[in-house]
Amino acid sequence: MVEKNFTFNTFNEHADDGIFQALSECNPKTKKPIVICIGSDLVLGDSLGPLVGTFLRKKDVRSYIYGTLNFPITAKEVDYARTYLKQMHPNSISIAIDAAVGNADDVGLIRVINKGLKPGLGVDKNLGVVGDISIVGIVATKSLQNHNLFNLTRLNLVFRMAEKIASGIEKYIAHIINNQNYISTNSFGA
C-alpha cells in the first residue's frame, strides 16, 4: 500500500474540511470507522486525543468513540485497547488520534496518514501500532526531554487542534452515514 500523508495547519479555517477529505482518501471503502483517542488528561500536551474524544461525544457522533477526558486511553491501556478493539470490532476500520512532537516549524500541524500510529514515541515508549488511519497533532518541539515540553504546551493550540480534528471526523462520519442511507433507500425498484 502506498502511504498517503496529508498535512493541515490548525489555524487554517478550512483545516477540518481538509481532514474530512483526507479521511475520504484514506478509507476509500467508506466503512464507518471507530475512533480511538489516545492520551492523558494529566499532561496538557498529551490531552489532544482525550479532548477530541470528548468533543466527538458532545457532538453525538454516530460511531464508537474510545478515549475521552473522563475515560482516557493512556500508554498503560494501549495494549488492552488494541486487543479489545480486535475482539469487539474485528471488521471495522479505526482512526487513531494522538499528540506528537516534531520540528519547531511543524508545531501546530495536523497530519492524517493512511496507516496506524505508534503512541508514546515522543516520550520514548515502544508500544505497538494502533488503528488503520492515524491523525497526529504536533503540539511541541522534539527534544531530549519531550515529557517536559508536553507540560509547556499552549492550551489554545491543543484546544483548537482538537476542535478541528473533531469537526473533520464528524463531517466524515456524517458523510458515510448519509451515503449508506442514500444507497439503502434508493436500491429498491431498480
N, C-alpha and C. Protein backbone atom coordinates (compact mmCIF):
# COMPACT_ATOMS: atom_id res chain seq x y z
N MET A 1 0.84 -1.18 0.00
CA MET A 1 0.00 0.00 0.00
C MET A 1 0.88 1.25 0.00
N VAL A 2 0.53 2.20 -0.83
CA VAL A 2 1.26 3.46 -0.92
C VAL A 2 0.82 4.34 0.25
N GLU A 3 1.81 4.87 0.96
CA GLU A 3 1.47 5.73 2.09
C GLU A 3 0.94 7.06 1.60
N LYS A 4 -0.17 7.46 2.21
CA LYS A 4 -0.75 8.78 1.94
C LYS A 4 -0.61 9.59 3.21
N ASN A 5 -0.08 10.80 3.06
CA ASN A 5 0.20 11.65 4.21
C ASN A 5 -0.31 13.06 3.87
N PHE A 6 -1.27 13.53 4.65
CA PHE A 6 -1.87 14.86 4.43
C PHE A 6 -1.56 15.74 5.64
N THR A 7 -1.24 17.00 5.40
CA THR A 7 -0.88 17.91 6.48
C THR A 7 -1.72 19.18 6.41
N PHE A 8 -2.21 19.60 7.59
CA PHE A 8 -3.06 20.80 7.68
C PHE A 8 -2.60 21.66 8.84
N ASN A 9 -2.71 22.97 8.67
CA ASN A 9 -2.37 23.91 9.73
C ASN A 9 -3.60 24.12 10.60
N THR A 10 -3.44 23.96 11.89
CA THR A 10 -4.54 24.12 12.84
C THR A 10 -5.25 25.45 12.68
N PHE A 11 -4.51 26.50 12.35
CA PHE A 11 -5.09 27.84 12.32
C PHE A 11 -5.68 28.21 10.95
N ASN A 12 -5.69 27.24 10.03
CA ASN A 12 -6.36 27.44 8.75
C ASN A 12 -7.84 27.17 8.96
N GLU A 13 -8.70 28.09 8.57
CA GLU A 13 -10.13 27.94 8.84
C GLU A 13 -10.75 26.75 8.12
N HIS A 14 -10.07 26.21 7.11
CA HIS A 14 -10.60 25.07 6.35
C HIS A 14 -9.90 23.75 6.70
N ALA A 15 -9.16 23.73 7.79
CA ALA A 15 -8.43 22.51 8.17
C ALA A 15 -9.38 21.33 8.38
N ASP A 16 -10.54 21.58 8.97
CA ASP A 16 -11.49 20.48 9.21
C ASP A 16 -12.00 19.90 7.90
N ASP A 17 -12.21 20.74 6.88
CA ASP A 17 -12.61 20.24 5.57
C ASP A 17 -11.49 19.40 4.95
N GLY A 18 -10.27 19.83 5.16
CA GLY A 18 -9.12 19.06 4.67
C GLY A 18 -9.02 17.70 5.35
N ILE A 19 -9.26 17.68 6.65
CA ILE A 19 -9.24 16.41 7.39
C ILE A 19 -10.33 15.49 6.86
N PHE A 20 -11.52 16.03 6.62
CA PHE A 20 -12.62 15.26 6.04
C PHE A 20 -12.19 14.64 4.70
N GLN A 21 -11.60 15.45 3.81
CA GLN A 21 -11.16 14.95 2.51
C GLN A 21 -10.05 13.90 2.65
N ALA A 22 -9.12 14.14 3.55
CA ALA A 22 -8.01 13.20 3.76
C ALA A 22 -8.53 11.85 4.26
N LEU A 23 -9.49 11.89 5.17
CA LEU A 23 -10.07 10.64 5.67
C LEU A 23 -10.77 9.89 4.54
N SER A 24 -11.42 10.62 3.65
CA SER A 24 -12.08 10.00 2.50
C SER A 24 -11.06 9.31 1.59
N GLU A 25 -9.89 9.93 1.43
CA GLU A 25 -8.82 9.33 0.63
C GLU A 25 -8.23 8.09 1.31
N CYS A 26 -8.14 8.13 2.62
CA CYS A 26 -7.53 7.03 3.39
C CYS A 26 -8.46 5.84 3.57
N ASN A 27 -9.77 6.04 3.43
CA ASN A 27 -10.75 4.98 3.62
C ASN A 27 -11.67 4.93 2.40
N PRO A 28 -11.14 4.48 1.25
CA PRO A 28 -11.95 4.50 0.03
C PRO A 28 -13.14 3.54 0.07
N LYS A 29 -13.13 2.57 0.96
CA LYS A 29 -14.24 1.63 1.06
C LYS A 29 -15.43 2.24 1.78
N THR A 30 -15.25 3.39 2.34
CA THR A 30 -16.28 4.13 3.10
C THR A 30 -16.96 3.28 4.17
N LYS A 31 -16.16 2.49 4.87
CA LYS A 31 -16.69 1.80 6.04
C LYS A 31 -16.72 2.79 7.19
N LYS A 32 -17.80 2.76 7.97
CA LYS A 32 -17.88 3.67 9.11
C LYS A 32 -16.81 3.27 10.13
N PRO A 33 -15.94 4.20 10.50
CA PRO A 33 -14.84 3.87 11.40
C PRO A 33 -15.21 3.97 12.87
N ILE A 34 -14.40 3.31 13.68
CA ILE A 34 -14.41 3.57 15.11
C ILE A 34 -13.25 4.53 15.37
N VAL A 35 -13.33 5.27 16.45
CA VAL A 35 -12.33 6.30 16.74
C VAL A 35 -11.66 6.01 18.08
N ILE A 36 -10.33 5.97 18.08
CA ILE A 36 -9.55 5.70 19.28
C ILE A 36 -8.72 6.94 19.59
N CYS A 37 -9.01 7.59 20.70
CA CYS A 37 -8.35 8.84 21.06
C CYS A 37 -7.38 8.56 22.20
N ILE A 38 -6.10 8.66 21.92
CA ILE A 38 -5.06 8.26 22.86
C ILE A 38 -4.45 9.48 23.52
N GLY A 39 -4.19 9.36 24.82
CA GLY A 39 -3.53 10.44 25.54
C GLY A 39 -3.94 10.46 26.99
N SER A 40 -3.46 11.46 27.69
CA SER A 40 -3.71 11.59 29.12
C SER A 40 -4.29 12.97 29.44
N ASP A 41 -5.20 12.99 30.38
CA ASP A 41 -5.73 14.28 30.83
C ASP A 41 -4.83 14.90 31.89
N LEU A 42 -3.76 14.21 32.26
CA LEU A 42 -2.85 14.72 33.29
C LEU A 42 -1.75 15.62 32.74
N VAL A 43 -1.52 15.54 31.43
CA VAL A 43 -0.46 16.31 30.80
C VAL A 43 -1.07 17.11 29.65
N LEU A 44 -0.96 18.41 29.71
CA LEU A 44 -1.61 19.28 28.73
C LEU A 44 -1.29 18.89 27.29
N GLY A 45 -0.03 18.72 26.96
CA GLY A 45 0.36 18.40 25.59
C GLY A 45 -0.13 17.05 25.13
N ASP A 46 -0.39 16.15 26.05
CA ASP A 46 -0.83 14.80 25.71
C ASP A 46 -2.35 14.67 25.75
N SER A 47 -3.05 15.76 25.99
CA SER A 47 -4.51 15.70 26.14
C SER A 47 -5.25 15.85 24.81
N LEU A 48 -4.54 15.94 23.71
CA LEU A 48 -5.20 16.12 22.41
C LEU A 48 -6.20 15.00 22.13
N GLY A 49 -5.79 13.77 22.24
CA GLY A 49 -6.69 12.64 21.96
C GLY A 49 -7.94 12.66 22.83
N PRO A 50 -7.78 12.71 24.16
CA PRO A 50 -8.98 12.75 25.01
C PRO A 50 -9.88 13.96 24.75
N LEU A 51 -9.31 15.10 24.38
CA LEU A 51 -10.14 16.26 24.03
C LEU A 51 -10.95 15.99 22.77
N VAL A 52 -10.33 15.39 21.76
CA VAL A 52 -11.05 15.05 20.53
C VAL A 52 -12.19 14.09 20.86
N GLY A 53 -11.91 13.06 21.65
CA GLY A 53 -12.94 12.10 22.04
C GLY A 53 -14.10 12.76 22.77
N THR A 54 -13.78 13.69 23.65
CA THR A 54 -14.82 14.40 24.40
C THR A 54 -15.66 15.27 23.46
N PHE A 55 -15.01 15.99 22.55
CA PHE A 55 -15.75 16.81 21.58
C PHE A 55 -16.66 15.94 20.72
N LEU A 56 -16.17 14.79 20.26
CA LEU A 56 -16.98 13.90 19.43
C LEU A 56 -18.19 13.37 20.20
N ARG A 57 -17.98 13.04 21.46
CA ARG A 57 -19.10 12.56 22.28
C ARG A 57 -20.14 13.67 22.47
N LYS A 58 -19.69 14.91 22.69
CA LYS A 58 -20.62 16.02 22.87
C LYS A 58 -21.38 16.33 21.59
N LYS A 59 -20.74 16.08 20.44
CA LYS A 59 -21.41 16.29 19.16
C LYS A 59 -22.34 15.14 18.83
N ASP A 60 -22.33 14.10 19.64
CA ASP A 60 -23.17 12.92 19.46
C ASP A 60 -22.92 12.26 18.10
N VAL A 61 -21.64 12.12 17.76
CA VAL A 61 -21.25 11.46 16.52
C VAL A 61 -21.68 10.00 16.57
N ARG A 62 -22.30 9.54 15.50
CA ARG A 62 -22.85 8.18 15.46
C ARG A 62 -21.79 7.16 15.08
N SER A 63 -20.89 6.90 16.00
CA SER A 63 -19.85 5.90 15.83
C SER A 63 -19.32 5.55 17.22
N TYR A 64 -18.53 4.50 17.30
CA TYR A 64 -17.89 4.16 18.57
C TYR A 64 -16.70 5.08 18.78
N ILE A 65 -16.69 5.75 19.93
CA ILE A 65 -15.62 6.68 20.29
C ILE A 65 -14.98 6.15 21.57
N TYR A 66 -13.69 5.89 21.54
CA TYR A 66 -12.96 5.42 22.72
C TYR A 66 -11.89 6.44 23.08
N GLY A 67 -11.83 6.81 24.37
CA GLY A 67 -10.84 7.74 24.87
C GLY A 67 -11.39 9.15 24.98
N THR A 68 -11.72 9.56 26.20
CA THR A 68 -12.24 10.90 26.47
C THR A 68 -11.50 11.46 27.68
N LEU A 69 -11.81 12.70 28.04
CA LEU A 69 -11.20 13.26 29.25
C LEU A 69 -11.61 12.48 30.50
N ASN A 70 -12.85 12.00 30.52
CA ASN A 70 -13.30 11.21 31.68
C ASN A 70 -12.74 9.80 31.69
N PHE A 71 -12.54 9.22 30.50
CA PHE A 71 -12.04 7.85 30.39
C PHE A 71 -10.94 7.79 29.32
N PRO A 72 -9.75 8.32 29.65
CA PRO A 72 -8.68 8.36 28.64
C PRO A 72 -8.06 6.99 28.39
N ILE A 73 -7.51 6.83 27.20
CA ILE A 73 -6.71 5.65 26.87
C ILE A 73 -5.27 6.13 26.88
N THR A 74 -4.58 5.81 27.96
CA THR A 74 -3.19 6.24 28.12
C THR A 74 -2.26 5.12 27.64
N ALA A 75 -0.96 5.36 27.74
CA ALA A 75 0.03 4.36 27.33
C ALA A 75 -0.20 3.03 28.05
N LYS A 76 -0.65 3.10 29.29
CA LYS A 76 -0.87 1.87 30.06
C LYS A 76 -1.99 1.03 29.46
N GLU A 77 -2.96 1.66 28.83
CA GLU A 77 -4.13 0.95 28.30
C GLU A 77 -4.04 0.59 26.82
N VAL A 78 -2.99 1.00 26.13
CA VAL A 78 -2.92 0.82 24.69
C VAL A 78 -2.98 -0.66 24.30
N ASP A 79 -2.21 -1.52 24.95
CA ASP A 79 -2.24 -2.94 24.61
C ASP A 79 -3.61 -3.54 24.85
N TYR A 80 -4.20 -3.21 25.99
CA TYR A 80 -5.55 -3.71 26.30
C TYR A 80 -6.56 -3.19 25.28
N ALA A 81 -6.46 -1.91 24.93
CA ALA A 81 -7.40 -1.30 23.98
C ALA A 81 -7.29 -1.97 22.61
N ARG A 82 -6.06 -2.23 22.17
CA ARG A 82 -5.85 -2.88 20.87
C ARG A 82 -6.51 -4.26 20.85
N THR A 83 -6.31 -5.05 21.90
CA THR A 83 -6.93 -6.38 21.99
C THR A 83 -8.44 -6.27 22.04
N TYR A 84 -8.96 -5.36 22.85
CA TYR A 84 -10.40 -5.17 22.98
C TYR A 84 -11.03 -4.80 21.63
N LEU A 85 -10.40 -3.88 20.92
CA LEU A 85 -10.94 -3.42 19.65
C LEU A 85 -10.95 -4.55 18.61
N LYS A 86 -9.92 -5.38 18.59
CA LYS A 86 -9.89 -6.51 17.65
C LYS A 86 -11.00 -7.50 17.96
N GLN A 87 -11.30 -7.69 19.24
CA GLN A 87 -12.35 -8.63 19.62
C GLN A 87 -13.74 -8.05 19.39
N MET A 88 -13.95 -6.79 19.74
CA MET A 88 -15.27 -6.18 19.66
C MET A 88 -15.61 -5.64 18.27
N HIS A 89 -14.60 -5.25 17.52
CA HIS A 89 -14.82 -4.65 16.20
C HIS A 89 -13.87 -5.29 15.18
N PRO A 90 -13.96 -6.61 14.96
CA PRO A 90 -12.96 -7.29 14.13
C PRO A 90 -12.91 -6.84 12.68
N ASN A 91 -13.99 -6.38 12.13
CA ASN A 91 -14.02 -5.99 10.72
C ASN A 91 -14.07 -4.48 10.51
N SER A 92 -13.91 -3.74 11.58
CA SER A 92 -14.02 -2.28 11.48
C SER A 92 -12.68 -1.66 11.13
N ILE A 93 -12.77 -0.52 10.48
CA ILE A 93 -11.59 0.31 10.26
C ILE A 93 -11.53 1.28 11.44
N SER A 94 -10.34 1.62 11.88
CA SER A 94 -10.24 2.51 13.04
C SER A 94 -9.32 3.69 12.76
N ILE A 95 -9.71 4.82 13.34
CA ILE A 95 -8.91 6.05 13.26
C ILE A 95 -8.32 6.27 14.64
N ALA A 96 -7.00 6.35 14.71
CA ALA A 96 -6.31 6.59 15.98
C ALA A 96 -5.80 8.03 16.00
N ILE A 97 -6.01 8.69 17.14
CA ILE A 97 -5.62 10.09 17.29
C ILE A 97 -4.68 10.22 18.47
N ASP A 98 -3.60 10.98 18.28
CA ASP A 98 -2.64 11.17 19.36
C ASP A 98 -1.88 12.47 19.14
N ALA A 99 -1.29 12.99 20.20
CA ALA A 99 -0.41 14.15 20.13
C ALA A 99 0.98 13.66 19.73
N ALA A 100 1.77 14.55 19.15
CA ALA A 100 3.12 14.20 18.73
C ALA A 100 4.05 15.39 18.91
N VAL A 101 5.34 15.11 18.83
CA VAL A 101 6.35 16.17 18.82
C VAL A 101 7.00 16.18 17.45
N GLY A 102 7.57 17.31 17.07
CA GLY A 102 8.20 17.42 15.76
C GLY A 102 9.17 18.58 15.72
N ASN A 103 9.54 18.99 14.53
CA ASN A 103 10.42 20.14 14.37
C ASN A 103 9.69 21.41 14.77
N ALA A 104 10.44 22.45 15.11
CA ALA A 104 9.83 23.71 15.55
C ALA A 104 8.85 24.25 14.51
N ASP A 105 9.16 24.13 13.23
CA ASP A 105 8.28 24.63 12.17
C ASP A 105 7.00 23.80 12.02
N ASP A 106 6.98 22.60 12.58
CA ASP A 106 5.83 21.71 12.44
C ASP A 106 4.80 21.86 13.57
N VAL A 107 5.14 22.55 14.62
CA VAL A 107 4.21 22.71 15.74
C VAL A 107 2.95 23.41 15.23
N GLY A 108 1.80 22.81 15.52
CA GLY A 108 0.53 23.35 15.06
C GLY A 108 -0.01 22.63 13.83
N LEU A 109 0.75 21.68 13.29
CA LEU A 109 0.29 20.93 12.13
C LEU A 109 -0.48 19.69 12.55
N ILE A 110 -1.45 19.32 11.74
CA ILE A 110 -2.22 18.10 11.93
C ILE A 110 -1.92 17.21 10.73
N ARG A 111 -1.57 15.96 11.00
CA ARG A 111 -1.26 15.03 9.91
C ARG A 111 -2.26 13.88 9.92
N VAL A 112 -2.75 13.54 8.75
CA VAL A 112 -3.63 12.39 8.54
C VAL A 112 -2.85 11.42 7.65
N ILE A 113 -2.69 10.18 8.11
CA ILE A 113 -1.88 9.19 7.40
C ILE A 113 -2.68 7.90 7.28
N ASN A 114 -2.56 7.22 6.16
CA ASN A 114 -3.34 6.01 5.93
C ASN A 114 -2.70 4.76 6.53
N LYS A 115 -2.15 4.89 7.70
CA LYS A 115 -1.64 3.75 8.45
C LYS A 115 -1.78 4.06 9.94
N GLY A 116 -1.66 3.02 10.76
CA GLY A 116 -1.80 3.20 12.20
C GLY A 116 -0.65 4.02 12.78
N LEU A 117 -0.78 4.34 14.06
CA LEU A 117 0.26 5.12 14.72
C LEU A 117 0.84 4.33 15.89
N LYS A 118 2.04 4.74 16.27
CA LYS A 118 2.71 4.14 17.42
C LYS A 118 2.69 5.18 18.54
N PRO A 119 1.74 5.08 19.46
CA PRO A 119 1.69 6.07 20.55
C PRO A 119 2.90 5.96 21.46
N GLY A 120 3.25 7.08 22.05
CA GLY A 120 4.34 7.10 23.04
C GLY A 120 5.72 7.31 22.47
N LEU A 121 5.88 7.44 21.16
CA LEU A 121 7.21 7.62 20.59
C LEU A 121 7.87 8.91 21.09
N GLY A 122 7.07 9.95 21.30
CA GLY A 122 7.60 11.24 21.74
C GLY A 122 8.20 11.20 23.13
N VAL A 123 7.84 10.20 23.92
CA VAL A 123 8.39 10.06 25.27
C VAL A 123 9.12 8.72 25.41
N ASP A 124 9.64 8.25 24.29
CA ASP A 124 10.49 7.06 24.23
C ASP A 124 9.83 5.78 24.74
N LYS A 125 8.55 5.61 24.45
CA LYS A 125 7.86 4.36 24.78
C LYS A 125 7.73 3.56 23.49
N ASN A 126 7.91 2.25 23.60
CA ASN A 126 7.81 1.39 22.43
C ASN A 126 6.53 0.58 22.53
N LEU A 127 5.44 1.16 22.06
CA LEU A 127 4.15 0.50 22.09
C LEU A 127 3.80 0.05 20.67
N GLY A 128 2.91 -0.88 20.55
CA GLY A 128 2.52 -1.38 19.23
C GLY A 128 1.71 -0.37 18.44
N VAL A 129 1.44 -0.72 17.20
CA VAL A 129 0.67 0.13 16.30
C VAL A 129 -0.80 0.04 16.66
N VAL A 130 -1.48 1.18 16.64
CA VAL A 130 -2.91 1.27 16.91
C VAL A 130 -3.59 1.93 15.72
N GLY A 131 -4.71 1.37 15.28
CA GLY A 131 -5.51 1.99 14.23
C GLY A 131 -5.09 1.61 12.82
N ASP A 132 -5.95 1.95 11.89
CA ASP A 132 -5.70 1.75 10.46
C ASP A 132 -5.35 3.07 9.79
N ILE A 133 -5.90 4.14 10.32
CA ILE A 133 -5.65 5.51 9.86
C ILE A 133 -5.23 6.30 11.10
N SER A 134 -4.26 7.18 10.95
CA SER A 134 -3.85 7.95 12.12
C SER A 134 -3.99 9.45 11.86
N ILE A 135 -4.32 10.13 12.94
CA ILE A 135 -4.34 11.60 12.93
C ILE A 135 -3.45 12.02 14.10
N VAL A 136 -2.39 12.73 13.80
CA VAL A 136 -1.49 13.22 14.84
C VAL A 136 -1.44 14.73 14.79
N GLY A 137 -1.44 15.32 15.96
CA GLY A 137 -1.30 16.77 16.08
C GLY A 137 0.05 17.06 16.71
N ILE A 138 0.86 17.87 16.05
CA ILE A 138 2.19 18.19 16.57
C ILE A 138 2.05 19.36 17.52
N VAL A 139 2.22 19.07 18.80
CA VAL A 139 1.94 20.05 19.85
C VAL A 139 3.18 20.66 20.48
N ALA A 140 4.37 20.07 20.21
CA ALA A 140 5.60 20.57 20.84
C ALA A 140 6.80 20.23 19.96
N THR A 141 7.91 20.90 20.25
CA THR A 141 9.15 20.67 19.53
C THR A 141 9.86 19.45 20.11
N LYS A 142 10.39 18.63 19.24
CA LYS A 142 11.12 17.43 19.67
C LYS A 142 12.40 17.84 20.38
N SER A 143 12.66 17.18 21.52
CA SER A 143 13.89 17.42 22.25
C SER A 143 14.26 16.18 23.04
N LEU A 144 15.35 16.27 23.78
CA LEU A 144 15.76 15.12 24.59
C LEU A 144 14.80 14.86 25.74
N GLN A 145 14.09 15.89 26.18
CA GLN A 145 13.17 15.73 27.30
C GLN A 145 11.77 16.16 26.89
N ASN A 146 11.18 15.38 25.99
CA ASN A 146 9.86 15.71 25.46
C ASN A 146 8.79 15.75 26.53
N HIS A 147 8.93 14.93 27.57
CA HIS A 147 7.89 14.92 28.60
C HIS A 147 7.77 16.28 29.28
N ASN A 148 8.87 17.01 29.38
CA ASN A 148 8.80 18.35 29.96
C ASN A 148 8.09 19.32 29.00
N LEU A 149 8.33 19.16 27.71
CA LEU A 149 7.70 20.05 26.73
C LEU A 149 6.19 19.84 26.67
N PHE A 150 5.75 18.60 26.88
CA PHE A 150 4.31 18.34 26.87
C PHE A 150 3.62 19.18 27.95
N ASN A 151 4.32 19.45 29.04
CA ASN A 151 3.73 20.27 30.11
C ASN A 151 3.77 21.76 29.78
N LEU A 152 4.58 22.15 28.82
CA LEU A 152 4.72 23.56 28.45
C LEU A 152 3.92 23.91 27.20
N THR A 153 3.13 23.00 26.72
CA THR A 153 2.34 23.22 25.51
C THR A 153 1.22 24.21 25.80
N ARG A 154 0.91 25.04 24.81
CA ARG A 154 -0.15 26.03 24.98
C ARG A 154 -1.52 25.37 24.86
N LEU A 155 -2.39 25.65 25.82
CA LEU A 155 -3.74 25.11 25.83
C LEU A 155 -4.51 25.54 24.58
N ASN A 156 -4.33 26.80 24.15
CA ASN A 156 -5.02 27.29 22.96
C ASN A 156 -4.72 26.42 21.75
N LEU A 157 -3.47 26.02 21.58
CA LEU A 157 -3.08 25.19 20.45
C LEU A 157 -3.76 23.82 20.52
N VAL A 158 -3.68 23.16 21.65
CA VAL A 158 -4.25 21.82 21.80
C VAL A 158 -5.77 21.88 21.64
N PHE A 159 -6.40 22.88 22.21
CA PHE A 159 -7.86 23.02 22.15
C PHE A 159 -8.32 23.23 20.70
N ARG A 160 -7.68 24.17 20.00
CA ARG A 160 -8.08 24.45 18.62
C ARG A 160 -7.81 23.27 17.71
N MET A 161 -6.69 22.59 17.95
CA MET A 161 -6.36 21.40 17.17
C MET A 161 -7.42 20.33 17.38
N ALA A 162 -7.82 20.12 18.61
CA ALA A 162 -8.85 19.12 18.93
C ALA A 162 -10.18 19.48 18.27
N GLU A 163 -10.53 20.78 18.28
CA GLU A 163 -11.77 21.21 17.63
C GLU A 163 -11.75 20.90 16.13
N LYS A 164 -10.63 21.20 15.47
CA LYS A 164 -10.52 20.96 14.02
C LYS A 164 -10.59 19.47 13.71
N ILE A 165 -9.88 18.66 14.47
CA ILE A 165 -9.88 17.22 14.23
C ILE A 165 -11.28 16.65 14.46
N ALA A 166 -11.92 17.03 15.56
CA ALA A 166 -13.27 16.53 15.86
C ALA A 166 -14.26 16.96 14.78
N SER A 167 -14.16 18.18 14.31
CA SER A 167 -15.06 18.67 13.27
C SER A 167 -14.86 17.89 11.96
N GLY A 168 -13.60 17.65 11.59
CA GLY A 168 -13.32 16.88 10.38
C GLY A 168 -13.84 15.46 10.47
N ILE A 169 -13.66 14.82 11.62
CA ILE A 169 -14.16 13.45 11.81
C ILE A 169 -15.68 13.44 11.80
N GLU A 170 -16.29 14.42 12.46
CA GLU A 170 -17.75 14.50 12.48
C GLU A 170 -18.31 14.60 11.05
N LYS A 171 -17.73 15.46 10.23
CA LYS A 171 -18.18 15.61 8.84
C LYS A 171 -17.99 14.31 8.07
N TYR A 172 -16.87 13.67 8.30
CA TYR A 172 -16.56 12.43 7.59
C TYR A 172 -17.55 11.32 7.94
N ILE A 173 -17.81 11.11 9.22
CA ILE A 173 -18.73 10.05 9.63
C ILE A 173 -20.15 10.37 9.17
N ALA A 174 -20.57 11.62 9.25
CA ALA A 174 -21.90 12.01 8.78
C ALA A 174 -22.01 11.74 7.27
N HIS A 175 -20.96 12.02 6.53
CA HIS A 175 -20.96 11.77 5.08
C HIS A 175 -21.13 10.28 4.78
N ILE A 176 -20.41 9.44 5.51
CA ILE A 176 -20.52 7.99 5.31
C ILE A 176 -21.93 7.52 5.64
N ILE A 177 -22.46 7.96 6.76
CA ILE A 177 -23.81 7.54 7.16
C ILE A 177 -24.84 8.00 6.14
N ASN A 178 -24.74 9.24 5.69
CA ASN A 178 -25.68 9.76 4.69
C ASN A 178 -25.59 8.98 3.38
N ASN A 179 -24.38 8.63 2.94
CA ASN A 179 -24.22 7.84 1.72
C ASN A 179 -24.79 6.44 1.88
N GLN A 180 -24.58 5.82 3.04
CA GLN A 180 -25.12 4.48 3.27
C GLN A 180 -26.65 4.53 3.29
N ASN A 181 -27.22 5.55 3.91
CA ASN A 181 -28.68 5.69 3.93
C ASN A 181 -29.22 5.94 2.53
N TYR A 182 -28.52 6.74 1.74
CA TYR A 182 -28.95 7.04 0.37
C TYR A 182 -28.95 5.77 -0.48
N ILE A 183 -27.89 4.99 -0.36
CA ILE A 183 -27.79 3.75 -1.14
C ILE A 183 -28.88 2.77 -0.74
N SER A 184 -29.11 2.61 0.58
CA SER A 184 -30.10 1.63 1.03
C SER A 184 -31.53 2.06 0.68
N THR A 185 -31.83 3.35 0.67
CA THR A 185 -33.20 3.79 0.36
C THR A 185 -33.45 3.87 -1.14
N ASN A 186 -32.39 3.98 -1.93
CA ASN A 186 -32.56 4.09 -3.39
C ASN A 186 -32.24 2.80 -4.13
N SER A 187 -32.01 1.71 -3.44
CA SER A 187 -31.68 0.47 -4.13
C SER A 187 -32.92 -0.33 -4.49
N PHE A 188 -34.10 0.08 -4.02
CA PHE A 188 -35.33 -0.64 -4.34
C PHE A 188 -35.89 -0.13 -5.66
N GLY A 189 -36.50 -1.04 -6.41
CA GLY A 189 -37.18 -0.66 -7.65
C GLY A 189 -36.22 -0.46 -8.81
N ALA A 190 -34.99 -0.84 -8.66
CA ALA A 190 -34.03 -0.65 -9.76
C ALA A 190 -34.14 -1.75 -10.77
